[in-house]
PDB file of N, CA and C in Angstrom:
ATOM      1  N   MET A   1       0.792  -1.318   0.075  1.00  0.00           N
ATOM      2  CA  MET A   1       0.072  -0.129  -0.178  1.00  0.00           C
ATOM      3  C   MET A   1       0.584   1.217  -0.004  1.00  0.00           C
ATOM      4  N   THR A   2       0.746   2.142  -0.680  1.00  0.00           N
ATOM      5  CA  THR A   2       1.547   3.663  -0.820  1.00  0.00           C
ATOM      6  C   THR A   2       0.525   4.440  -0.255  1.00  0.00           C
ATOM      7  N   ASP A   3       1.181   5.293  -0.042  1.00  0.00           N
ATOM      8  CA  ASP A   3       0.729   7.002   0.745  1.00  0.00           C
ATOM      9  C   ASP A   3       0.407   7.589  -0.308  1.00  0.00           C
ATOM     10  N   THR A   4      -0.800   8.091  -0.585  1.00  0.00           N
ATOM     11  CA  THR A   4      -1.175   9.129  -1.573  1.00  0.00           C
ATOM     12  C   THR A   4      -1.484  10.225  -0.840  1.00  0.00           C
ATOM     13  N   PRO A   5      -1.289  11.636  -0.844  1.00  0.00           N
ATOM     14  CA  PRO A   5      -1.725  12.590  -0.133  1.00  0.00           C
ATOM     15  C   PRO A   5      -3.466  12.685  -0.772  1.00  0.00           C
ATOM     16  N   THR A   6      -4.074  12.935   0.311  1.00  0.00           N
ATOM     17  CA  THR A   6      -5.589  13.138   0.038  1.00  0.00           C
ATOM     18  C   THR A   6      -5.458  14.807  -0.440  1.00  0.00           C
ATOM     19  N   ASP A   7      -7.000  14.915  -1.112  1.00  0.00           N
ATOM     20  CA  ASP A   7      -7.025  16.489  -1.291  1.00  0.00           C
ATOM     21  C   ASP A   7      -6.969  17.440  -0.048  1.00  0.00           C
ATOM     22  N   ALA A   8      -7.700  16.688   0.846  1.00  0.00           N
ATOM     23  CA  ALA A   8      -7.835  17.473   2.331  1.00  0.00           C
ATOM     24  C   ALA A   8      -6.213  17.801   2.720  1.00  0.00           C
ATOM     25  N   ALA A   9      -5.421  16.673   2.829  1.00  0.00           N
ATOM     26  CA  ALA A   9      -4.062  16.845   3.275  1.00  0.00           C
ATOM     27  C   ALA A   9      -3.415  17.696   2.403  1.00  0.00           C
ATOM     28  N   SER A  10      -3.394  17.600   0.749  1.00  0.00           N
ATOM     29  CA  SER A  10      -2.538  18.496   0.092  1.00  0.00           C
ATOM     30  C   SER A  10      -3.145  19.801  -0.353  1.00  0.00           C
ATOM     31  N   ALA A  11      -4.319  20.300   0.234  1.00  0.00           N
ATOM     32  CA  ALA A  11      -4.651  21.553   0.310  1.00  0.00           C
ATOM     33  C   ALA A  11      -4.160  22.767   0.955  1.00  0.00           C
ATOM     34  N   VAL A  12      -3.843  23.815   0.262  1.00  0.00           N
ATOM     35  CA  VAL A  12      -3.199  24.734   0.907  1.00  0.00           C
ATOM     36  C   VAL A  12      -4.097  25.645   1.456  1.00  0.00           C
ATOM     37  N   SER A  13      -3.414  25.744   3.141  1.00  0.00           N
ATOM     38  CA  SER A  13      -4.151  26.784   3.739  1.00  0.00           C
ATOM     39  C   SER A  13      -4.032  28.148   3.528  1.00  0.00           C
ATOM     40  N   LYS A  14      -5.434  28.784   3.424  1.00  0.00           N
ATOM     41  CA  LYS A  14      -5.269  30.363   2.994  1.00  0.00           C
ATOM     42  C   LYS A  14      -5.369  31.250   3.983  1.00  0.00           C
ATOM     43  N   ALA A  15      -4.539  32.213   4.232  1.00  0.00           N
ATOM     44  CA  ALA A  15      -4.610  33.289   5.165  1.00  0.00           C
ATOM     45  C   ALA A  15      -5.827  34.097   5.181  1.00  0.00           C
ATOM     46  N   SER A  16      -6.296  34.653   5.969  1.00  0.00           N
ATOM     47  CA  SER A  16      -7.789  35.380   6.055  1.00  0.00           C
ATOM     48  C   SER A  16      -7.333  36.549   5.763  1.00  0.00           C
ATOM     49  N   ILE A  17      -8.305  37.416   5.212  1.00  0.00           N
ATOM     50  CA  ILE A  17      -8.079  38.760   4.937  1.00  0.00           C
ATOM     51  C   ILE A  17      -7.887  39.556   6.423  1.00  0.00           C
ATOM     52  N   ASP A  18      -8.495  39.298   7.284  1.00  0.00           N
ATOM     53  CA  ASP A  18      -8.360  39.784   8.585  1.00  0.00           C
ATOM     54  C   ASP A  18      -7.089  39.698   8.901  1.00  0.00           C
ATOM     55  N   ASP A  19      -6.616  38.609   8.669  1.00  0.00           N
ATOM     56  CA  ASP A  19      -5.217  38.321   9.193  1.00  0.00           C
ATOM     57  C   ASP A  19      -3.972  39.296   8.693  1.00  0.00           C
ATOM     58  N   ILE A  20      -4.401  39.160   7.210  1.00  0.00           N
ATOM     59  CA  ILE A  20      -3.350  40.095   6.317  1.00  0.00           C
ATOM     60  C   ILE A  20      -3.610  41.480   6.671  1.00  0.00           C
ATOM     61  N   GLU A  21      -4.940  41.906   7.004  1.00  0.00           N
ATOM     62  CA  GLU A  21      -4.942  43.309   7.067  1.00  0.00           C
ATOM     63  C   GLU A  21      -4.249  43.822   8.771  1.00  0.00           C
ATOM     64  N   GLU A  22      -4.379  42.457   9.612  1.00  0.00           N
ATOM     65  CA  GLU A  22      -3.684  42.807  10.984  1.00  0.00           C
ATOM     66  C   GLU A  22      -2.137  42.814  10.735  1.00  0.00           C
ATOM     67  N   ALA A  23      -1.610  42.090  10.204  1.00  0.00           N
ATOM     68  CA  ALA A  23      -0.129  41.940   9.697  1.00  0.00           C
ATOM     69  C   ALA A  23       0.025  43.431   8.961  1.00  0.00           C
ATOM     70  N   MET A  24      -0.662  43.841   8.115  1.00  0.00           N
ATOM     71  CA  MET A  24      -0.026  44.987   7.382  1.00  0.00           C
ATOM     72  C   MET A  24      -0.077  46.544   8.031  1.00  0.00           C
ATOM     73  N   LYS A  25      -0.879  46.213   9.458  1.00  0.00           N
ATOM     74  CA  LYS A  25      -0.497  47.479  10.342  1.00  0.00           C
ATOM     75  C   LYS A  25       0.874  47.348  10.870  1.00  0.00           C
ATOM     76  N   ASP A  26       1.865  46.326  10.657  1.00  0.00           N
ATOM     77  CA  ASP A  26       3.297  46.560  10.744  1.00  0.00           C
ATOM     78  C   ASP A  26       4.200  47.228   9.949  1.00  0.00           C
ATOM     79  N   VAL A  27       3.625  47.799   8.524  1.00  0.00           N
ATOM     80  CA  VAL A  27       3.745  48.306   7.436  1.00  0.00           C
ATOM     81  C   VAL A  27       3.737  49.771   7.903  1.00  0.00           C
ATOM     82  N   VAL A  28       4.490  50.666   7.852  1.00  0.00           N
ATOM     83  CA  VAL A  28       4.487  51.847   7.989  1.00  0.00           C
ATOM     84  C   VAL A  28       5.031  52.784   6.772  1.00  0.00           C
ATOM     85  N   ASP A  29       4.173  53.694   6.791  1.00  0.00           N
ATOM     86  CA  ASP A  29       4.414  54.764   5.897  1.00  0.00           C
ATOM     87  C   ASP A  29       5.566  55.508   6.296  1.00  0.00           C
ATOM     88  N   PRO A  30       6.741  55.633   5.718  1.00  0.00           N
ATOM     89  CA  PRO A  30       7.691  56.170   6.097  1.00  0.00           C
ATOM     90  C   PRO A  30       8.001  57.589   6.135  1.00  0.00           C
ATOM     91  N   GLU A  31       7.083  58.335   5.382  1.00  0.00           N
ATOM     92  CA  GLU A  31       7.173  59.719   5.590  1.00  0.00           C
ATOM     93  C   GLU A  31       6.400  60.163   6.765  1.00  0.00           C
ATOM     94  N   LEU A  32       5.216  59.305   6.923  1.00  0.00           N
ATOM     95  CA  LEU A  32       4.067  59.729   8.227  1.00  0.00           C
ATOM     96  C   LEU A  32       4.504  59.062   9.330  1.00  0.00           C
ATOM     97  N   GLY A  33       5.046  58.022   9.358  1.00  0.00           N
ATOM     98  CA  GLY A  33       5.208  57.027  10.395  1.00  0.00           C
ATOM     99  C   GLY A  33       3.983  56.420  10.957  1.00  0.00           C
ATOM    100  N   ILE A  34       2.884  56.274  10.040  1.00  0.00           N
ATOM    101  CA  ILE A  34       1.638  55.693  10.598  1.00  0.00           C
ATOM    102  C   ILE A  34       1.575  54.355   9.804  1.00  0.00           C
ATOM    103  N   ASN A  35       0.851  53.441  10.026  1.00  0.00           N
ATOM    104  CA  ASN A  35       0.738  52.185   9.309  1.00  0.00           C
ATOM    105  C   ASN A  35      -0.023  52.227   8.191  1.00  0.00           C
ATOM    106  N   VAL A  36       0.087  51.864   7.427  1.00  0.00           N
ATOM    107  CA  VAL A  36      -0.500  51.858   5.965  1.00  0.00           C
ATOM    108  C   VAL A  36      -2.390  51.506   5.875  1.00  0.00           C
ATOM    109  N   VAL A  37      -2.613  50.590   6.950  1.00  0.00           N
ATOM    110  CA  VAL A  37      -3.919  50.327   6.812  1.00  0.00           C
ATOM    111  C   VAL A  37      -4.573  51.644   7.565  1.00  0.00           C
ATOM    112  N   ASP A  38      -4.214  52.088   8.719  1.00  0.00           N
ATOM    113  CA  ASP A  38      -4.795  53.240   9.369  1.00  0.00           C
ATOM    114  C   ASP A  38      -4.830  54.554   8.492  1.00  0.00           C
ATOM    115  N   LEU A  39      -3.472  54.485   7.520  1.00  0.00           N
ATOM    116  CA  LEU A  39      -3.859  55.841   6.783  1.00  0.00           C
ATOM    117  C   LEU A  39      -4.586  55.312   5.755  1.00  0.00           C
ATOM    118  N   GLY A  40      -5.296  54.289   5.378  1.00  0.00           N
ATOM    119  CA  GLY A  40      -6.276  54.218   4.373  1.00  0.00           C
ATOM    120  C   GLY A  40      -5.437  53.874   2.906  1.00  0.00           C
ATOM    121  N   LEU A  41      -4.421  53.263   3.015  1.00  0.00           N
ATOM    122  CA  LEU A  41      -3.579  53.027   1.754  1.00  0.00           C
ATOM    123  C   LEU A  41      -3.787  51.671   1.204  1.00  0.00           C
ATOM    124  N   VAL A  42      -4.344  50.915   1.986  1.00  0.00           N
ATOM    125  CA  VAL A  42      -4.725  49.386   1.330  1.00  0.00           C
ATOM    126  C   VAL A  42      -6.436  49.379   1.024  1.00  0.00           C
ATOM    127  N   TYR A  43      -6.352  49.650  -0.080  1.00  0.00           N
ATOM    128  CA  TYR A  43      -7.761  49.303  -0.974  1.00  0.00           C
ATOM    129  C   TYR A  43      -8.680  48.160  -1.305  1.00  0.00           C
ATOM    130  N   GLY A  44      -7.734  47.000  -1.177  1.00  0.00           N
ATOM    131  CA  GLY A  44      -8.240  45.578  -1.285  1.00  0.00           C
ATOM    132  C   GLY A  44      -7.260  44.387  -0.943  1.00  0.00           C
ATOM    133  N   THR A  45      -7.964  43.666  -0.309  1.00  0.00           N
ATOM    134  CA  THR A  45      -6.999  42.503  -0.476  1.00  0.00           C
ATOM    135  C   THR A  45      -7.496  41.176  -0.776  1.00  0.00           C
ATOM    136  N   TYR A  46      -6.723  40.392  -1.498  1.00  0.00           N
ATOM    137  CA  TYR A  46      -7.351  39.211  -2.013  1.00  0.00           C
ATOM    138  C   TYR A  46      -6.446  38.138  -1.932  1.00  0.00           C
ATOM    139  N   VAL A  47      -6.855  36.628  -1.691  1.00  0.00           N
ATOM    140  CA  VAL A  47      -5.892  35.633  -1.599  1.00  0.00           C
ATOM    141  C   VAL A  47      -6.282  34.352  -2.456  1.00  0.00           C
ATOM    142  N   ASP A  48      -5.532  34.231  -3.299  1.00  0.00           N
ATOM    143  CA  ASP A  48      -6.170  32.999  -4.342  1.00  0.00           C
ATOM    144  C   ASP A  48      -5.677  31.578  -3.466  1.00  0.00           C
ATOM    145  N   ASP A  49      -6.209  30.650  -4.631  1.00  0.00           N
ATOM    146  CA  ASP A  49      -6.165  29.076  -3.638  1.00  0.00           C
ATOM    147  C   ASP A  49      -4.943  28.763  -3.573  1.00  0.00           C
ATOM    148  N   ASP A  50      -3.711  29.366  -3.891  1.00  0.00           N
ATOM    149  CA  ASP A  50      -2.397  28.936  -3.787  1.00  0.00           C
ATOM    150  C   ASP A  50      -1.649  29.919  -2.514  1.00  0.00           C
ATOM    151  N   ASN A  51      -2.611  30.547  -1.762  1.00  0.00           N
ATOM    152  CA  ASN A  51      -2.238  31.407  -0.521  1.00  0.00           C
ATOM    153  C   ASN A  51      -1.278  32.465  -1.210  1.00  0.00           C
ATOM    154  N   VAL A  52      -1.423  33.166  -2.136  1.00  0.00           N
ATOM    155  CA  VAL A  52      -0.775  34.361  -2.697  1.00  0.00           C
ATOM    156  C   VAL A  52      -1.596  35.311  -2.357  1.00  0.00           C
ATOM    157  N   ALA A  53      -1.391  36.256  -1.891  1.00  0.00           N
ATOM    158  CA  ALA A  53      -1.974  37.501  -1.563  1.00  0.00           C
ATOM    159  C   ALA A  53      -1.926  38.728  -2.688  1.00  0.00           C
ATOM    160  N   THR A  54      -2.754  39.433  -2.818  1.00  0.00           N
ATOM    161  CA  THR A  54      -2.645  40.342  -3.950  1.00  0.00           C
ATOM    162  C   THR A  54      -3.273  41.735  -3.228  1.00  0.00           C
ATOM    163  N   LEU A  55      -2.835  42.661  -3.263  1.00  0.00           N
ATOM    164  CA  LEU A  55      -3.181  43.741  -2.402  1.00  0.00           C
ATOM    165  C   LEU A  55      -3.240  44.971  -3.259  1.00  0.00           C
ATOM    166  N   ASP A  56      -4.341  45.847  -3.559  1.00  0.00           N
ATOM    167  CA  ASP A  56      -4.564  46.654  -4.058  1.00  0.00           C
ATOM    168  C   ASP A  56      -4.179  48.033  -3.040  1.00  0.00           C
ATOM    169  N   MET A  57      -3.093  48.843  -3.574  1.00  0.00           N
ATOM    170  CA  MET A  57      -2.704  49.882  -2.584  1.00  0.00           C
ATOM    171  C   MET A  57      -2.638  51.061  -3.256  1.00  0.00           C
ATOM    172  N   THR A  58      -2.289  52.381  -2.518  1.00  0.00           N
ATOM    173  CA  THR A  58      -2.124  53.623  -3.299  1.00  0.00           C
ATOM    174  C   THR A  58      -0.958  53.812  -2.266  1.00  0.00           C
ATOM    175  N   LEU A  59      -0.849  55.450  -2.505  1.00  0.00           N
ATOM    176  CA  LEU A  59       0.225  56.123  -1.689  1.00  0.00           C
ATOM    177  C   LEU A  59      -0.436  57.350  -1.605  1.00  0.00           C
ATOM    178  N   THR A  60       0.079  58.453  -0.682  1.00  0.00           N
ATOM    179  CA  THR A  60      -0.418  59.669  -0.372  1.00  0.00           C
ATOM    180  C   THR A  60      -0.072  60.530  -1.549  1.00  0.00           C
ATOM    181  N   SER A  61       0.908  60.111  -2.281  1.00  0.00           N
ATOM    182  CA  SER A  61       1.058  61.042  -3.536  1.00  0.00           C
ATOM    183  C   SER A  61       1.826  59.873  -4.686  1.00  0.00           C
ATOM    184  N   ALA A  62       1.213  60.205  -6.088  1.00  0.00           N
ATOM    185  CA  ALA A  62       1.668  59.438  -6.862  1.00  0.00           C
ATOM    186  C   ALA A  62       2.990  59.285  -7.172  1.00  0.00           C
ATOM    187  N   ALA A  63       3.807  60.407  -6.973  1.00  0.00           N
ATOM    188  CA  ALA A  63       5.104  60.257  -6.986  1.00  0.00           C
ATOM    189  C   ALA A  63       6.042  60.367  -5.876  1.00  0.00           C
ATOM    190  N   CYS A  64       5.509  59.357  -4.989  1.00  0.00           N
ATOM    191  CA  CYS A  64       6.225  58.914  -3.785  1.00  0.00           C
ATOM    192  C   CYS A  64       7.404  57.927  -3.955  1.00  0.00           C
ATOM    193  N   PRO A  65       8.762  58.322  -3.741  1.00  0.00           N
ATOM    194  CA  PRO A  65       9.593  57.273  -4.103  1.00  0.00           C
ATOM    195  C   PRO A  65      10.108  56.130  -3.465  1.00  0.00           C
ATOM    196  N   LEU A  66       8.894  56.178  -2.529  1.00  0.00           N
ATOM    197  CA  LEU A  66       9.234  54.843  -1.270  1.00  0.00           C
ATOM    198  C   LEU A  66       8.643  53.670  -1.401  1.00  0.00           C
ATOM    199  N   THR A  67       8.168  53.349  -2.681  1.00  0.00           N
ATOM    200  CA  THR A  67       7.207  52.215  -2.873  1.00  0.00           C
ATOM    201  C   THR A  67       8.319  50.874  -2.450  1.00  0.00           C
ATOM    202  N   ASP A  68       9.536  50.974  -2.713  1.00  0.00           N
ATOM    203  CA  ASP A  68      10.433  49.802  -2.417  1.00  0.00           C
ATOM    204  C   ASP A  68      10.426  49.612  -0.893  1.00  0.00           C
ATOM    205  N   VAL A  69      10.516  50.420  -0.390  1.00  0.00           N
ATOM    206  CA  VAL A  69      10.503  50.634   1.377  1.00  0.00           C
ATOM    207  C   VAL A  69       9.192  49.792   1.939  1.00  0.00           C
ATOM    208  N   ILE A  70       8.221  50.279   1.115  1.00  0.00           N
ATOM    209  CA  ILE A  70       6.706  49.922   1.513  1.00  0.00           C
ATOM    210  C   ILE A  70       6.730  47.988   1.085  1.00  0.00           C
ATOM    211  N   GLU A  71       7.098  47.965  -0.037  1.00  0.00           N
ATOM    212  CA  GLU A  71       7.225  46.470  -0.455  1.00  0.00           C
ATOM    213  C   GLU A  71       8.241  45.414   0.267  1.00  0.00           C
ATOM    214  N   ASP A  72       9.390  46.017   0.794  1.00  0.00           N
ATOM    215  CA  ASP A  72      10.153  45.513   1.688  1.00  0.00           C
ATOM    216  C   ASP A  72       9.433  45.088   3.087  1.00  0.00           C
ATOM    217  N   GLN A  73       8.712  46.143   3.683  1.00  0.00           N
ATOM    218  CA  GLN A  73       7.968  45.905   4.812  1.00  0.00           C
ATOM    219  C   GLN A  73       7.282  44.908   4.992  1.00  0.00           C
ATOM    220  N   THR A  74       6.441  44.902   3.462  1.00  0.00           N
ATOM    221  CA  THR A  74       5.202  44.196   3.239  1.00  0.00           C
ATOM    222  C   THR A  74       5.761  42.375   3.234  1.00  0.00           C
ATOM    223  N   ARG A  75       6.803  42.382   2.687  1.00  0.00           N
ATOM    224  CA  ARG A  75       7.405  41.350   2.628  1.00  0.00           C
ATOM    225  C   ARG A  75       7.607  40.541   3.950  1.00  0.00           C
ATOM    226  N   THR A  76       8.369  41.551   4.663  1.00  0.00           N
ATOM    227  CA  THR A  76       8.384  41.083   5.784  1.00  0.00           C
ATOM    228  C   THR A  76       7.400  40.613   6.813  1.00  0.00           C
ATOM    229  N   ALA A  77       6.331  41.323   6.729  1.00  0.00           N
ATOM    230  CA  ALA A  77       5.151  41.399   7.606  1.00  0.00           C
ATOM    231  C   ALA A  77       4.064  40.191   6.805  1.00  0.00           C
ATOM    232  N   LEU A  78       4.308  39.814   5.818  1.00  0.00           N
ATOM    233  CA  LEU A  78       3.158  39.023   5.424  1.00  0.00           C
ATOM    234  C   LEU A  78       4.049  37.303   4.686  1.00  0.00           C
ATOM    235  N   THR A  79       5.543  37.117   4.756  1.00  0.00           N
ATOM    236  CA  THR A  79       5.838  35.958   4.426  1.00  0.00           C
ATOM    237  C   THR A  79       7.167  35.500   5.150  1.00  0.00           C
ATOM    238  N   THR A  80       7.204  36.282   6.311  1.00  0.00           N
ATOM    239  CA  THR A  80       8.153  35.980   7.273  1.00  0.00           C
ATOM    240  C   THR A  80       7.483  35.011   8.865  1.00  0.00           C
ATOM    241  N   GLY A  81       8.150  34.685   9.346  1.00  0.00           N
ATOM    242  CA  GLY A  81       7.782  34.449  10.634  1.00  0.00           C
ATOM    243  C   GLY A  81       7.783  32.846  10.886  1.00  0.00           C
ATOM    244  N   PRO A  82       6.714  32.465  11.986  1.00  0.00           N
ATOM    245  CA  PRO A  82       6.840  30.837  12.250  1.00  0.00           C
ATOM    246  C   PRO A  82       5.807  30.269  11.087  1.00  0.00           C
ATOM    247  N   GLY A  83       6.666  29.325  10.710  1.00  0.00           N
ATOM    248  CA  GLY A  83       5.635  28.570   9.411  1.00  0.00           C
ATOM    249  C   GLY A  83       5.874  29.013   8.281  1.00  0.00           C
ATOM    250  N   GLY A  84       6.652  30.064   8.259  1.00  0.00           N
ATOM    251  CA  GLY A  84       6.801  30.965   6.706  1.00  0.00           C
ATOM    252  C   GLY A  84       6.354  31.968   6.514  1.00  0.00           C
ATOM    253  N   GLY A  85       5.208  32.284   7.405  1.00  0.00           N
ATOM    254  CA  GLY A  85       4.460  33.364   6.940  1.00  0.00           C
ATOM    255  C   GLY A  85       3.077  33.163   6.897  1.00  0.00           C
ATOM    256  N   LEU A  86       2.344  34.305   6.801  1.00  0.00           N
ATOM    257  CA  LEU A  86       1.124  33.892   6.496  1.00  0.00           C
ATOM    258  C   LEU A  86       0.756  33.710   5.076  1.00  0.00           C
ATOM    259  N   VAL A  87       1.341  33.980   4.089  1.00  0.00           N
ATOM    260  CA  VAL A  87       1.088  33.752   2.841  1.00  0.00           C
ATOM    261  C   VAL A  87       2.139  33.488   1.944  1.00  0.00           C
ATOM    262  N   LYS A  88       2.343  32.412   0.911  1.00  0.00           N
ATOM    263  CA  LYS A  88       3.257  31.950   0.183  1.00  0.00           C
ATOM    264  C   LYS A  88       4.117  33.094  -0.537  1.00  0.00           C
ATOM    265  N   ASP A  89       3.182  33.984  -0.940  1.00  0.00           N
ATOM    266  CA  ASP A  89       4.100  35.139  -1.753  1.00  0.00           C
ATOM    267  C   ASP A  89       2.843  36.261  -1.724  1.00  0.00           C
ATOM    268  N   PHE A  90       3.469  37.583  -2.271  1.00  0.00           N
ATOM    269  CA  PHE A  90       2.185  38.565  -2.487  1.00  0.00           C
ATOM    270  C   PHE A  90       2.833  39.293  -3.335  1.00  0.00           C
ATOM    271  N   ARG A  91       1.308  40.078  -3.953  1.00  0.00           N
ATOM    272  CA  ARG A  91       2.103  41.090  -5.072  1.00  0.00           C
ATOM    273  C   ARG A  91       1.068  42.425  -4.641  1.00  0.00           C
ATOM    274  N   ILE A  92       1.806  43.456  -4.898  1.00  0.00           N
ATOM    275  CA  ILE A  92       0.864  44.775  -4.861  1.00  0.00           C
ATOM    276  C   ILE A  92       0.742  45.405  -6.068  1.00  0.00           C
ATOM    277  N   ASN A  93      -0.652  45.547  -6.150  1.00  0.00           N
ATOM    278  CA  ASN A  93      -1.002  46.507  -7.335  1.00  0.00           C
ATOM    279  C   ASN A  93      -1.211  47.753  -6.977  1.00  0.00           C
ATOM    280  N   TRP A  94      -0.352  48.720  -7.496  1.00  0.00           N
ATOM    281  CA  TRP A  94      -0.487  50.237  -6.929  1.00  0.00           C
ATOM    282  C   TRP A  94      -1.785  50.674  -7.881  1.00  0.00           C
ATOM    283  N   VAL A  95      -2.336  51.183  -7.291  1.00  0.00           N
ATOM    284  CA  VAL A  95      -3.719  52.088  -8.137  1.00  0.00           C
ATOM    285  C   VAL A  95      -3.790  53.326  -7.654  1.00  0.00           C
ATOM    286  N   TRP A  96      -4.256  54.467  -8.619  1.00  0.00           N
ATOM    287  CA  TRP A  96      -3.833  55.472  -8.400  1.00  0.00           C
ATOM    288  C   TRP A  96      -5.654  56.321  -8.185  1.00  0.00           C
ATOM    289  N   LEU A  97      -6.754  55.368  -8.617  1.00  0.00           N
ATOM    290  CA  LEU A  97      -8.177  55.686  -8.443  1.00  0.00           C
ATOM    291  C   LEU A  97      -8.847  54.952  -7.615  1.00  0.00           C
ATOM    292  N   PRO A  98      -9.450  55.455  -6.564  1.00  0.00           N
ATOM    293  CA  PRO A  98      -9.770  56.659  -6.442  1.00  0.00           C
ATOM    294  C   PRO A  98      -8.359  57.249  -6.064  1.00  0.00           C
ATOM    295  N   PRO A  99      -8.120  58.542  -5.679  1.00  0.00           N
ATOM    296  CA  PRO A  99      -6.991  59.106  -5.405  1.00  0.00           C
ATOM    297  C   PRO A  99      -7.261  59.215  -4.038  1.00  0.00           C
ATOM    298  N   TRP A 100      -6.170  58.755  -3.458  1.00  0.00           N
ATOM    299  CA  TRP A 100      -6.159  58.904  -1.799  1.00  0.00           C
ATOM    300  C   TRP A 100      -6.268  60.202  -1.103  1.00  0.00           C
ATOM    301  N   GLY A 101      -7.059  60.417  -0.120  1.00  0.00           N
ATOM    302  CA  GLY A 101      -7.429  61.667   0.354  1.00  0.00           C
ATOM    303  C   GLY A 101      -7.425  61.463   2.093  1.00  0.00           C
ATOM    304  N   PRO A 102      -7.342  62.509   2.770  1.00  0.00           N
ATOM    305  CA  PRO A 102      -7.590  62.539   4.262  1.00  0.00           C
ATOM    306  C   PRO A 102      -8.690  61.779   4.535  1.00  0.00           C
ATOM    307  N   ASP A 103      -9.505  61.557   3.879  1.00  0.00           N
ATOM    308  CA  ASP A 103     -11.087  61.055   4.612  1.00  0.00           C
ATOM    309  C   ASP A 103     -10.759  59.431   4.419  1.00  0.00           C
ATOM    310  N   LYS A 104      -9.876  58.777   3.831  1.00  0.00           N
ATOM    311  CA  LYS A 104      -9.649  57.602   4.063  1.00  0.00           C
ATOM    312  C   LYS A 104      -8.868  57.024   5.111  1.00  0.00           C
ATOM    313  N   ILE A 105      -8.383  58.008   6.008  1.00  0.00           N
ATOM    314  CA  ILE A 105      -7.548  57.725   7.307  1.00  0.00           C
ATOM    315  C   ILE A 105      -8.599  57.103   8.445  1.00  0.00           C
ATOM    316  N   THR A 106      -8.287  56.068   9.052  1.00  0.00           N
ATOM    317  CA  THR A 106      -9.273  55.554  10.060  1.00  0.00           C
ATOM    318  C   THR A 106      -9.110  56.515  11.111  1.00  0.00           C
ATOM    319  N   ASP A 107     -10.023  56.407  12.039  1.00  0.00           N
ATOM    320  CA  ASP A 107     -10.064  56.956  13.414  1.00  0.00           C
ATOM    321  C   ASP A 107      -8.863  56.841  14.250  1.00  0.00           C
ATOM    322  N   ASP A 108      -8.279  55.646  14.203  1.00  0.00           N
ATOM    323  CA  ASP A 108      -7.050  55.187  14.756  1.00  0.00           C
ATOM    324  C   ASP A 108      -5.720  56.040  14.360  1.00  0.00           C
ATOM    325  N   GLY A 109      -5.920  55.930  13.173  1.00  0.00           N
ATOM    326  CA  GLY A 109      -4.792  56.571  11.943  1.00  0.00           C
ATOM    327  C   GLY A 109      -5.048  58.143  12.753  1.00  0.00           C
ATOM    328  N   ARG A 110      -5.966  58.867  12.814  1.00  0.00           N
ATOM    329  CA  ARG A 110      -6.524  60.215  12.863  1.00  0.00           C
ATOM    330  C   ARG A 110      -5.753  60.599  14.569  1.00  0.00           C
ATOM    331  N   GLU A 111      -5.737  59.699  15.113  1.00  0.00           N
ATOM    332  CA  GLU A 111      -5.356  59.505  16.833  1.00  0.00           C
ATOM    333  C   GLU A 111      -3.921  59.726  16.657  1.00  0.00           C
ATOM    334  N   GLN A 112      -3.218  58.758  15.885  1.00  0.00           N
ATOM    335  CA  GLN A 112      -1.956  58.581  15.751  1.00  0.00           C
ATOM    336  C   GLN A 112      -1.328  59.864  15.046  1.00  0.00           C
ATOM    337  N   LEU A 113      -1.849  60.346  14.119  1.00  0.00           N
ATOM    338  CA  LEU A 113      -1.715  61.642  13.482  1.00  0.00           C
ATOM    339  C   LEU A 113      -1.505  62.792  14.481  1.00  0.00           C
ATOM    340  N   ARG A 114      -2.537  63.098  15.048  1.00  0.00           N
ATOM    341  CA  ARG A 114      -2.553  63.919  16.232  1.00  0.00           C
ATOM    342  C   ARG A 114      -1.639  64.178  17.172  1.00  0.00           C
ATOM    343  N   ALA A 115      -1.202  62.699  17.721  1.00  0.00           N
ATOM    344  CA  ALA A 115      -0.278  62.501  18.742  1.00  0.00           C
ATOM    345  C   ALA A 115       1.097  63.202  18.008  1.00  0.00           C
ATOM    346  N   LEU A 116       1.164  62.831  16.622  1.00  0.00           N
ATOM    347  CA  LEU A 116       2.379  63.471  15.952  1.00  0.00           C
ATOM    348  C   LEU A 116       2.565  64.990  15.941  1.00  0.00           C
ATOM    349  N   GLY A 117       0.995  65.420  16.131  1.00  0.00           N
ATOM    350  CA  GLY A 117       1.070  66.983  15.947  1.00  0.00           C
ATOM    351  C   GLY A 117       0.614  67.491  14.855  1.00  0.00           C
ATOM    352  N   PHE A 118      -0.120  66.688  13.874  1.00  0.00           N
ATOM    353  CA  PHE A 118      -0.628  66.949  12.632  1.00  0.00           C
ATOM    354  C   PHE A 118      -2.178  67.054  13.129  1.00  0.00           C
ATOM    355  N   ASN A 119      -2.872  68.126  12.338  1.00  0.00           N
ATOM    356  CA  ASN A 119      -4.021  68.449  12.464  1.00  0.00           C
ATOM    357  C   ASN A 119      -5.203  67.844  11.512  1.00  0.00           C
ATOM    358  N   VAL A 120      -5.748  66.850  11.827  1.00  0.00           N
ATOM    359  CA  VAL A 120      -6.747  66.204  11.114  1.00  0.00           C
ATOM    360  C   VAL A 120      -7.796  65.809  11.716  1.00  0.00           C
TER     361      VAL A 120
END
């Protein structure tokens, strides 16, 4: 008798959207010092059947030169840690519509910005 993996045993465990969004709170906008979730920079999160996440994200400015920093922080937040991380891999889909504005900042993000001296 040979051992063959069953569909259940070979199925890939998918990360939840909530877990990914929580992990993304470790990704901090280098200019403002607030995480990208509370700044409202994450527009959408999707996970495919292979546990690869696609994030629709924007930046406070289309001319922001710091996409590499945010991508590196995202890689650390999502693909490292116990068991190899939350997801197998990720992709950031940079989007510019709708444009980001202060209305996208969460209440927590507003509190953090006020603590830093911003008037929001």
